[in-house]
Amino acid sequence: MVIRTFAGEDIKPALELWSGIAGLGLTESDNEESIAAFLRRNPGFSAIANTSDAEVVGAVLCGHNGRAGFLYHLAVAGSHRRYGIGTRLVEFCFDRLAEARIPRCNVFVYTANESGNEFWLRRGWNDPPTWKVLQKHVEI
């Protein structure tokens, strides 16, 4: 298994992976153009997991705003779970955030995504009761 930087040619296989993961919600921002723009704004922060035959079996988007990091769409193919791939993808991102001196990271997980919430909470992430995320769509 190889963990490496997410490249432009990984967008299609990552979208295919993400679309097959229960609980992972894709939005209007999850298209090839938008993800390519995200990767350009955050070069080297996102990661892909490949098998020895170059199959994409894990992916995560990572970026930051100069103060905090953000992880989006961490996913590992069901056939490759429980081998530490998700943890290694997150470690890749955290190494890049540390190099950029970003002191904290946030992840957005749907409340109903039980396996996703379990993954993050088992790894020491907090579910703070003191704040929540509000969202409003921008007319474009």
Foldseek 3Di string as FASTA:
>chain_A
DDKFFDDLVCLVLLVVQLVPDPQADDDPCNDSVNVNVLCVQAPQQWIFDADPVGRTFWTWRWHDDLAEIEIHRTGGHPVPPPPCPSVVRVVSNVVVCVVSVHDYYDYDGDPPPVVVVVVQVVVPDDDDPPDDDDDDDDDD
